[in-house]
Amino acid sequence: MTYKDTHKFDFSLYLVTDRGYSGDRQLRNIVARAVEGGVTTVQLREKDCSTREFIRLAKQLQNVLRDKNIPLIINDRLDVAMAVQAEGVHLGQNDMPVEVARKILGNNYIIGLSVENMEQLEEAEKMDVDYLGLSPLFTTETKPELKHEWGLKGLQRARQNSSHKIVAIGNIDANNARAVIKSGADGIAVVSAICAAANPQKAAAELSNQIKNVK
């Protein structure tokens, strides 16, 4: 059986990896520490590495995550997700259409989709996705090409207009995590707040505590 067959999805603290923030530290070590702190889902995002390297990194993270029943989501690359039997993929607006991805992957894979405005969010209501990545909640240097931000009011409006789980991403940290959850997000996705932290476990625990104080 797959993860999707036997588990409920917990996207409450969703780590998106970025080796650019990791310095000389091994990604698997950062993820392992973050999981100890309370991370519930991990997305491996790699824009510049080879397919072989992507697969190698994915397998390393699986060694950390599988025993803890934490899903590994692969950004963009269905081939990598299938090669390592990851739990899911995350697609952007310019990636493979959701209906094509679902046809290829079947129903056992988690599929997430980034939405950057209300039109995309409303279109996603017709799609077979497991969650939406609301991006960016606040403008962030990890996505400099995205000038528009949802903000908390935009998140509240999105919650009212979507039946999907919503994971907000973009400049979220321990200072605003509670407000994000209170505004309607099912989870928060973070990059630098954990990947750049001197102590990823402590950083994750602080975020996890903020979420638990609201839920």
C-alpha atoms as a PDB file:
ATOM      1  CA  MET A   1       0.000   0.000   0.000  1.00  0.00           C
ATOM      2  CA  THR A   2       1.070   3.580  -0.580  1.00  0.00           C
ATOM      3  CA  TYR A   3       1.195   6.488   1.823  1.00  0.00           C
ATOM      4  CA  LYS A   4      -2.008   7.882   0.337  1.00  0.00           C
ATOM      5  CA  ASP A   5      -3.853   4.618   0.965  1.00  0.00           C
ATOM      6  CA  THR A   6      -3.134   4.444   4.654  1.00  0.00           C
ATOM      7  CA  HIS A   7      -2.504   7.961   5.998  1.00  0.00           C
ATOM      8  CA  LYS A   8      -4.229  11.283   6.374  1.00  0.00           C
ATOM      9  CA  PHE A   9      -2.241  14.172   4.968  1.00  0.00           C
ATOM     10  CA  ASP A  10      -0.578  16.444   7.494  1.00  0.00           C
ATOM     11  CA  PHE A  11       0.690  19.512   5.675  1.00  0.00           C
ATOM     12  CA  SER A  12       0.746  21.690   8.787  1.00  0.00           C
ATOM     13  CA  LEU A  13       4.524  22.245   8.747  1.00  0.00           C
ATOM     14  CA  TYR A  14       5.776  21.759   5.211  1.00  0.00           C
ATOM     15  CA  LEU A  15       9.508  22.107   4.549  1.00  0.00           C
ATOM     16  CA  VAL A  16      10.661  23.066   1.048  1.00  0.00           C
ATOM     17  CA  THR A  17      14.365  22.377   0.643  1.00  0.00           C
ATOM     18  CA  ASP A  18      16.871  24.824  -0.802  1.00  0.00           C
ATOM     19  CA  ARG A  19      20.546  23.902  -0.733  1.00  0.00           C
ATOM     20  CA  GLY A  20      21.407  27.535  -1.385  1.00  0.00           C
ATOM     21  CA  TYR A  21      20.507  28.248   2.227  1.00  0.00           C
ATOM     22  CA  SER A  22      22.196  25.160   3.632  1.00  0.00           C
ATOM     23  CA  GLY A  23      25.805  26.332   3.457  1.00  0.00           C
ATOM     24  CA  ASP A  24      28.210  23.428   3.774  1.00  0.00           C
ATOM     25  CA  ARG A  25      25.723  21.292   5.708  1.00  0.00           C
ATOM     26  CA  GLN A  26      24.311  18.073   4.252  1.00  0.00           C
ATOM     27  CA  LEU A  27      20.681  18.428   3.181  1.00  0.00           C
ATOM     28  CA  ARG A  28      19.708  15.097   4.740  1.00  0.00           C
ATOM     29  CA  ASN A  29      21.063  16.261   8.100  1.00  0.00           C
ATOM     30  CA  ILE A  30      19.060  19.490   7.961  1.00  0.00           C
ATOM     31  CA  VAL A  31      15.910  17.552   7.065  1.00  0.00           C
ATOM     32  CA  ALA A  32      16.511  14.982   9.802  1.00  0.00           C
ATOM     33  CA  ARG A  33      16.872  17.715  12.420  1.00  0.00           C
ATOM     34  CA  ALA A  34      13.835  19.565  11.080  1.00  0.00           C
ATOM     35  CA  VAL A  35      11.728  16.413  11.302  1.00  0.00           C
ATOM     36  CA  GLU A  36      12.777  15.973  14.921  1.00  0.00           C
ATOM     37  CA  GLY A  37      11.500  19.503  15.483  1.00  0.00           C
ATOM     38  CA  GLY A  38       8.079  18.794  14.020  1.00  0.00           C
ATOM     39  CA  VAL A  39       8.137  19.057  10.218  1.00  0.00           C
ATOM     40  CA  THR A  40       5.260  16.971   8.809  1.00  0.00           C
ATOM     41  CA  THR A  41       5.916  17.071   5.025  1.00  0.00           C
ATOM     42  CA  VAL A  42       9.078  17.612   2.964  1.00  0.00           C
ATOM     43  CA  GLN A  43       9.342  18.819  -0.615  1.00  0.00           C
ATOM     44  CA  LEU A  44      12.632  18.286  -2.424  1.00  0.00           C
ATOM     45  CA  ARG A  45      13.056  21.260  -4.735  1.00  0.00           C
ATOM     46  CA  GLU A  46      16.001  21.233  -7.116  1.00  0.00           C
ATOM     47  CA  LYS A  47      16.115  23.519 -10.133  1.00  0.00           C
ATOM     48  CA  ASP A  48      19.679  23.125 -11.341  1.00  0.00           C
ATOM     49  CA  CYS A  49      20.969  19.636 -10.578  1.00  0.00           C
ATOM     50  CA  SER A  50      21.075  16.657 -12.930  1.00  0.00           C
ATOM     51  CA  THR A  51      18.421  13.953 -12.893  1.00  0.00           C
ATOM     52  CA  ARG A  52      20.943  11.517 -11.414  1.00  0.00           C
ATOM     53  CA  GLU A  53      21.749  13.940  -8.584  1.00  0.00           C
ATOM     54  CA  PHE A  54      18.070  14.662  -7.992  1.00  0.00           C
ATOM     55  CA  ILE A  55      17.371  10.941  -7.575  1.00  0.00           C
ATOM     56  CA  ARG A  56      20.363  10.523  -5.257  1.00  0.00           C
ATOM     57  CA  LEU A  57      19.143  13.343  -3.016  1.00  0.00           C
ATOM     58  CA  ALA A  58      15.598  11.991  -3.028  1.00  0.00           C
ATOM     59  CA  LYS A  59      16.776   8.566  -1.895  1.00  0.00           C
ATOM     60  CA  GLN A  60      18.820  10.143   0.893  1.00  0.00           C
ATOM     61  CA  LEU A  61      15.756  11.977   2.175  1.00  0.00           C
ATOM     62  CA  GLN A  62      13.626   8.860   1.927  1.00  0.00           C
ATOM     63  CA  ASN A  63      16.023   7.144   4.308  1.00  0.00           C
ATOM     64  CA  VAL A  64      15.207   9.888   6.807  1.00  0.00           C
ATOM     65  CA  LEU A  65      11.469  10.150   6.192  1.00  0.00           C
ATOM     66  CA  ARG A  66      10.062   6.699   5.452  1.00  0.00           C
ATOM     67  CA  ASP A  67      10.327   5.238   8.949  1.00  0.00           C
ATOM     68  CA  LYS A  68       8.591   8.331  10.317  1.00  0.00           C
ATOM     69  CA  ASN A  69       5.723   8.134   7.798  1.00  0.00           C
ATOM     70  CA  ILE A  70       6.457  11.626   6.524  1.00  0.00           C
ATOM     71  CA  PRO A  71       5.700  12.117   2.823  1.00  0.00           C
ATOM     72  CA  LEU A  72       8.379  13.157   0.348  1.00  0.00           C
ATOM     73  CA  ILE A  73       7.055  15.475  -2.337  1.00  0.00           C
ATOM     74  CA  ILE A  74       9.144  16.034  -5.473  1.00  0.00           C
ATOM     75  CA  ASN A  75       8.994  19.459  -7.068  1.00  0.00           C
ATOM     76  CA  ASP A  76       8.067  19.483 -10.782  1.00  0.00           C
ATOM     77  CA  ARG A  77       9.633  16.165 -11.791  1.00  0.00           C
ATOM     78  CA  LEU A  78       7.227  13.266 -12.222  1.00  0.00           C
ATOM     79  CA  ASP A  79      10.026  11.079 -13.534  1.00  0.00           C
ATOM     80  CA  VAL A  80      12.045  11.516 -10.344  1.00  0.00           C
ATOM     81  CA  ALA A  81       8.989  10.949  -8.144  1.00  0.00           C
ATOM     82  CA  MET A  82       8.203   7.721  -9.961  1.00  0.00           C
ATOM     83  CA  ALA A  83      11.818   6.572 -10.041  1.00  0.00           C
ATOM     84  CA  VAL A  84      12.160   6.726  -6.253  1.00  0.00           C
ATOM     85  CA  GLN A  85       8.500   5.987  -5.450  1.00  0.00           C
ATOM     86  CA  ALA A  86       8.062   9.249  -3.601  1.00  0.00           C
ATOM     87  CA  GLU A  87       4.676  10.000  -2.072  1.00  0.00           C
ATOM     88  CA  GLY A  88       3.861  12.912  -4.360  1.00  0.00           C
ATOM     89  CA  VAL A  89       4.725  15.774  -6.671  1.00  0.00           C
ATOM     90  CA  HIS A  90       4.236  19.513  -6.545  1.00  0.00           C
ATOM     91  CA  LEU A  91       3.413  21.327  -9.777  1.00  0.00           C
ATOM     92  CA  GLY A  92       3.668  24.965 -10.747  1.00  0.00           C
ATOM     93  CA  GLN A  93       1.457  26.788 -13.214  1.00  0.00           C
ATOM     94  CA  ASN A  94       3.960  26.219 -16.030  1.00  0.00           C
ATOM     95  CA  ASP A  95       4.584  22.561 -15.259  1.00  0.00           C
ATOM     96  CA  MET A  96       2.707  19.522 -16.526  1.00  0.00           C
ATOM     97  CA  PRO A  97      -1.091  20.007 -16.355  1.00  0.00           C
ATOM     98  CA  VAL A  98      -2.653  18.397 -13.305  1.00  0.00           C
ATOM     99  CA  GLU A  99      -4.986  16.189 -15.342  1.00  0.00           C
ATOM    100  CA  VAL A 100      -2.048  14.789 -17.321  1.00  0.00           C
ATOM    101  CA  ALA A 101       0.008  14.219 -14.172  1.00  0.00           C
ATOM    102  CA  ARG A 102      -2.899  12.439 -12.490  1.00  0.00           C
ATOM    103  CA  LYS A 103      -3.391  10.218 -15.505  1.00  0.00           C
ATOM    104  CA  ILE A 104       0.290   9.241 -15.437  1.00  0.00           C
ATOM    105  CA  LEU A 105       0.636   8.845 -11.681  1.00  0.00           C
ATOM    106  CA  GLY A 106      -2.764   7.418 -10.802  1.00  0.00           C
ATOM    107  CA  ASN A 107      -4.635   8.035  -7.576  1.00  0.00           C
ATOM    108  CA  ASN A 108      -1.981   6.866  -5.136  1.00  0.00           C
ATOM    109  CA  TYR A 109       0.226   9.929  -5.484  1.00  0.00           C
ATOM    110  CA  ILE A 110      -0.225  13.217  -3.683  1.00  0.00           C
ATOM    111  CA  ILE A 111      -0.416  16.110  -6.160  1.00  0.00           C
ATOM    112  CA  GLY A 112      -0.026  19.719  -5.061  1.00  0.00           C
ATOM    113  CA  LEU A 113      -0.470  22.798  -7.232  1.00  0.00           C
ATOM    114  CA  SER A 114       0.829  26.340  -6.823  1.00  0.00           C
ATOM    115  CA  VAL A 115      -1.766  29.087  -7.251  1.00  0.00           C
ATOM    116  CA  GLU A 116      -0.752  32.715  -7.553  1.00  0.00           C
ATOM    117  CA  ASN A 117      -4.106  34.472  -7.941  1.00  0.00           C
ATOM    118  CA  MET A 118      -7.845  33.979  -7.490  1.00  0.00           C
ATOM    119  CA  GLU A 119      -8.401  32.942 -11.090  1.00  0.00           C
ATOM    120  CA  GLN A 120      -5.953  30.053 -10.719  1.00  0.00           C
ATOM    121  CA  LEU A 121      -7.458  29.113  -7.368  1.00  0.00           C
ATOM    122  CA  GLU A 122     -10.965  28.995  -8.835  1.00  0.00           C
ATOM    123  CA  GLU A 123      -9.756  26.925 -11.817  1.00  0.00           C
ATOM    124  CA  ALA A 124      -8.179  24.478  -9.365  1.00  0.00           C
ATOM    125  CA  GLU A 125     -11.633  23.699  -7.953  1.00  0.00           C
ATOM    126  CA  LYS A 126     -12.177  21.494 -11.002  1.00  0.00           C
ATOM    127  CA  MET A 127      -8.857  19.692 -10.572  1.00  0.00           C
ATOM    128  CA  ASP A 128      -7.961  16.474  -8.774  1.00  0.00           C
ATOM    129  CA  VAL A 129      -5.321  17.912  -6.460  1.00  0.00           C
ATOM    130  CA  ASP A 130      -4.652  17.119  -2.810  1.00  0.00           C
ATOM    131  CA  TYR A 131      -3.596  20.606  -1.757  1.00  0.00           C
ATOM    132  CA  LEU A 132      -2.924  24.079  -3.112  1.00  0.00           C
ATOM    133  CA  GLY A 133       0.272  26.006  -2.484  1.00  0.00           C
ATOM    134  CA  LEU A 134      -0.811  29.631  -2.054  1.00  0.00           C
ATOM    135  CA  SER A 135       2.187  31.542  -3.382  1.00  0.00           C
ATOM    136  CA  PRO A 136       3.520  33.908  -2.296  1.00  0.00           C
ATOM    137  CA  LEU A 137       1.654  34.786   0.877  1.00  0.00           C
ATOM    138  CA  PHE A 138       4.180  37.564   1.400  1.00  0.00           C
ATOM    139  CA  THR A 139       6.790  38.521  -1.198  1.00  0.00           C
ATOM    140  CA  THR A 140      10.073  36.702  -0.698  1.00  0.00           C
ATOM    141  CA  GLU A 141      13.563  36.577  -2.167  1.00  0.00           C
ATOM    142  CA  THR A 142      13.164  32.859  -2.926  1.00  0.00           C
ATOM    143  CA  LYS A 143      10.574  33.801  -5.571  1.00  0.00           C
ATOM    144  CA  PRO A 144      11.645  37.233  -6.853  1.00  0.00           C
ATOM    145  CA  GLU A 145       9.677  36.809 -10.075  1.00  0.00           C
ATOM    146  CA  LEU A 146       6.372  36.854  -8.137  1.00  0.00           C
ATOM    147  CA  LYS A 147       5.516  40.471  -7.426  1.00  0.00           C
ATOM    148  CA  HIS A 148       1.937  40.026  -6.197  1.00  0.00           C
ATOM    149  CA  GLU A 149       1.370  38.747  -2.684  1.00  0.00           C
ATOM    150  CA  TRP A 150      -1.795  37.245  -1.280  1.00  0.00           C
ATOM    151  CA  GLY A 151      -1.466  38.715   2.200  1.00  0.00           C
ATOM    152  CA  LEU A 152      -3.644  37.582   5.090  1.00  0.00           C
ATOM    153  CA  LYS A 153      -6.809  39.073   3.604  1.00  0.00           C
ATOM    154  CA  GLY A 154      -6.133  37.295   0.317  1.00  0.00           C
ATOM    155  CA  LEU A 155      -5.620  34.050   2.231  1.00  0.00           C
ATOM    156  CA  GLN A 156      -8.945  34.512   3.992  1.00  0.00           C
ATOM    157  CA  ARG A 157     -10.650  35.059   0.644  1.00  0.00           C
ATOM    158  CA  ALA A 158      -8.921  32.014  -0.814  1.00  0.00           C
ATOM    159  CA  ARG A 159     -10.138  29.900   2.112  1.00  0.00           C
ATOM    160  CA  GLN A 160     -13.703  30.999   1.471  1.00  0.00           C
ATOM    161  CA  ASN A 161     -13.454  30.095  -2.217  1.00  0.00           C
ATOM    162  CA  SER A 162     -11.627  26.764  -2.136  1.00  0.00           C
ATOM    163  CA  SER A 163     -12.563  23.275  -0.992  1.00  0.00           C
ATOM    164  CA  HIS A 164      -8.934  22.112  -1.154  1.00  0.00           C
ATOM    165  CA  LYS A 165      -6.381  22.051   1.615  1.00  0.00           C
ATOM    166  CA  ILE A 166      -4.335  25.260   1.489  1.00  0.00           C
ATOM    167  CA  VAL A 167      -0.629  25.481   2.293  1.00  0.00           C
ATOM    168  CA  ALA A 168       0.626  29.060   2.381  1.00  0.00           C
ATOM    169  CA  ILE A 169       4.211  29.856   1.395  1.00  0.00           C
ATOM    170  CA  GLY A 170       6.263  33.007   1.209  1.00  0.00           C
ATOM    171  CA  ASN A 171       8.173  34.818   3.970  1.00  0.00           C
ATOM    172  CA  ILE A 172       6.511  32.910   6.809  1.00  0.00           C
ATOM    173  CA  ASP A 173       8.351  32.495  10.103  1.00  0.00           C
ATOM    174  CA  ALA A 174       7.689  32.060  13.813  1.00  0.00           C
ATOM    175  CA  ASN A 175       6.561  35.686  14.063  1.00  0.00           C
ATOM    176  CA  ASN A 176       3.606  35.330  11.719  1.00  0.00           C
ATOM    177  CA  ALA A 177       2.875  31.575  11.574  1.00  0.00           C
ATOM    178  CA  ARG A 178      -0.048  31.798  14.025  1.00  0.00           C
ATOM    179  CA  ALA A 179      -1.696  34.581  12.047  1.00  0.00           C
ATOM    180  CA  VAL A 180      -1.374  32.547   8.855  1.00  0.00           C
ATOM    181  CA  ILE A 181      -3.072  29.492  10.358  1.00  0.00           C
ATOM    182  CA  LYS A 182      -5.759  31.639  11.995  1.00  0.00           C
ATOM    183  CA  SER A 183      -6.457  33.224   8.602  1.00  0.00           C
ATOM    184  CA  GLY A 184      -7.404  29.867   7.114  1.00  0.00           C
ATOM    185  CA  ALA A 185      -4.288  27.995   6.007  1.00  0.00           C
ATOM    186  CA  ASP A 186      -4.191  24.265   6.710  1.00  0.00           C
ATOM    187  CA  GLY A 187      -0.418  24.491   6.793  1.00  0.00           C
ATOM    188  CA  ILE A 188       2.593  26.703   6.280  1.00  0.00           C
ATOM    189  CA  ALA A 189       5.463  25.970   3.922  1.00  0.00           C
ATOM    190  CA  VAL A 190       8.868  27.400   4.765  1.00  0.00           C
ATOM    191  CA  VAL A 191      12.250  27.473   3.094  1.00  0.00           C
ATOM    192  CA  SER A 192      14.818  29.776   4.673  1.00  0.00           C
ATOM    193  CA  ALA A 193      13.143  29.763   8.096  1.00  0.00           C
ATOM    194  CA  ILE A 194      14.462  26.221   8.524  1.00  0.00           C
ATOM    195  CA  CYS A 195      17.094  25.645   5.820  1.00  0.00           C
ATOM    196  CA  ALA A 196      19.035  28.775   6.804  1.00  0.00           C
ATOM    197  CA  ALA A 197      18.579  28.317  10.552  1.00  0.00           C
ATOM    198  CA  ALA A 198      21.648  27.583  12.656  1.00  0.00           C
ATOM    199  CA  ASN A 199      19.543  25.020  14.515  1.00  0.00           C
ATOM    200  CA  PRO A 200      16.921  23.518  12.146  1.00  0.00           C
ATOM    201  CA  GLN A 201      15.387  21.414  14.906  1.00  0.00           C
ATOM    202  CA  LYS A 202      14.814  24.427  17.142  1.00  0.00           C
ATOM    203  CA  ALA A 203      13.486  26.500  14.242  1.00  0.00           C
ATOM    204  CA  ALA A 204      11.039  23.748  13.280  1.00  0.00           C
ATOM    205  CA  ALA A 205       9.927  23.292  16.880  1.00  0.00           C
ATOM    206  CA  GLU A 206       9.177  26.999  17.231  1.00  0.00           C
ATOM    207  CA  LEU A 207       7.047  26.933  14.092  1.00  0.00           C
ATOM    208  CA  SER A 208       5.336  23.715  15.137  1.00  0.00           C
ATOM    209  CA  ASN A 209       4.440  25.183  18.516  1.00  0.00           C
ATOM    210  CA  GLN A 210       2.938  28.264  16.885  1.00  0.00           C
ATOM    211  CA  ILE A 211       0.761  26.051  14.680  1.00  0.00           C
ATOM    212  CA  LYS A 212      -0.339  23.824  17.566  1.00  0.00           C
ATOM    213  CA  ASN A 213      -1.308  26.877  19.617  1.00  0.00           C
ATOM    214  CA  VAL A 214      -3.911  27.706  17.004  1.00  0.00           C
ATOM    215  CA  LYS A 215      -5.181  24.273  15.887  1.00  0.00           C
END
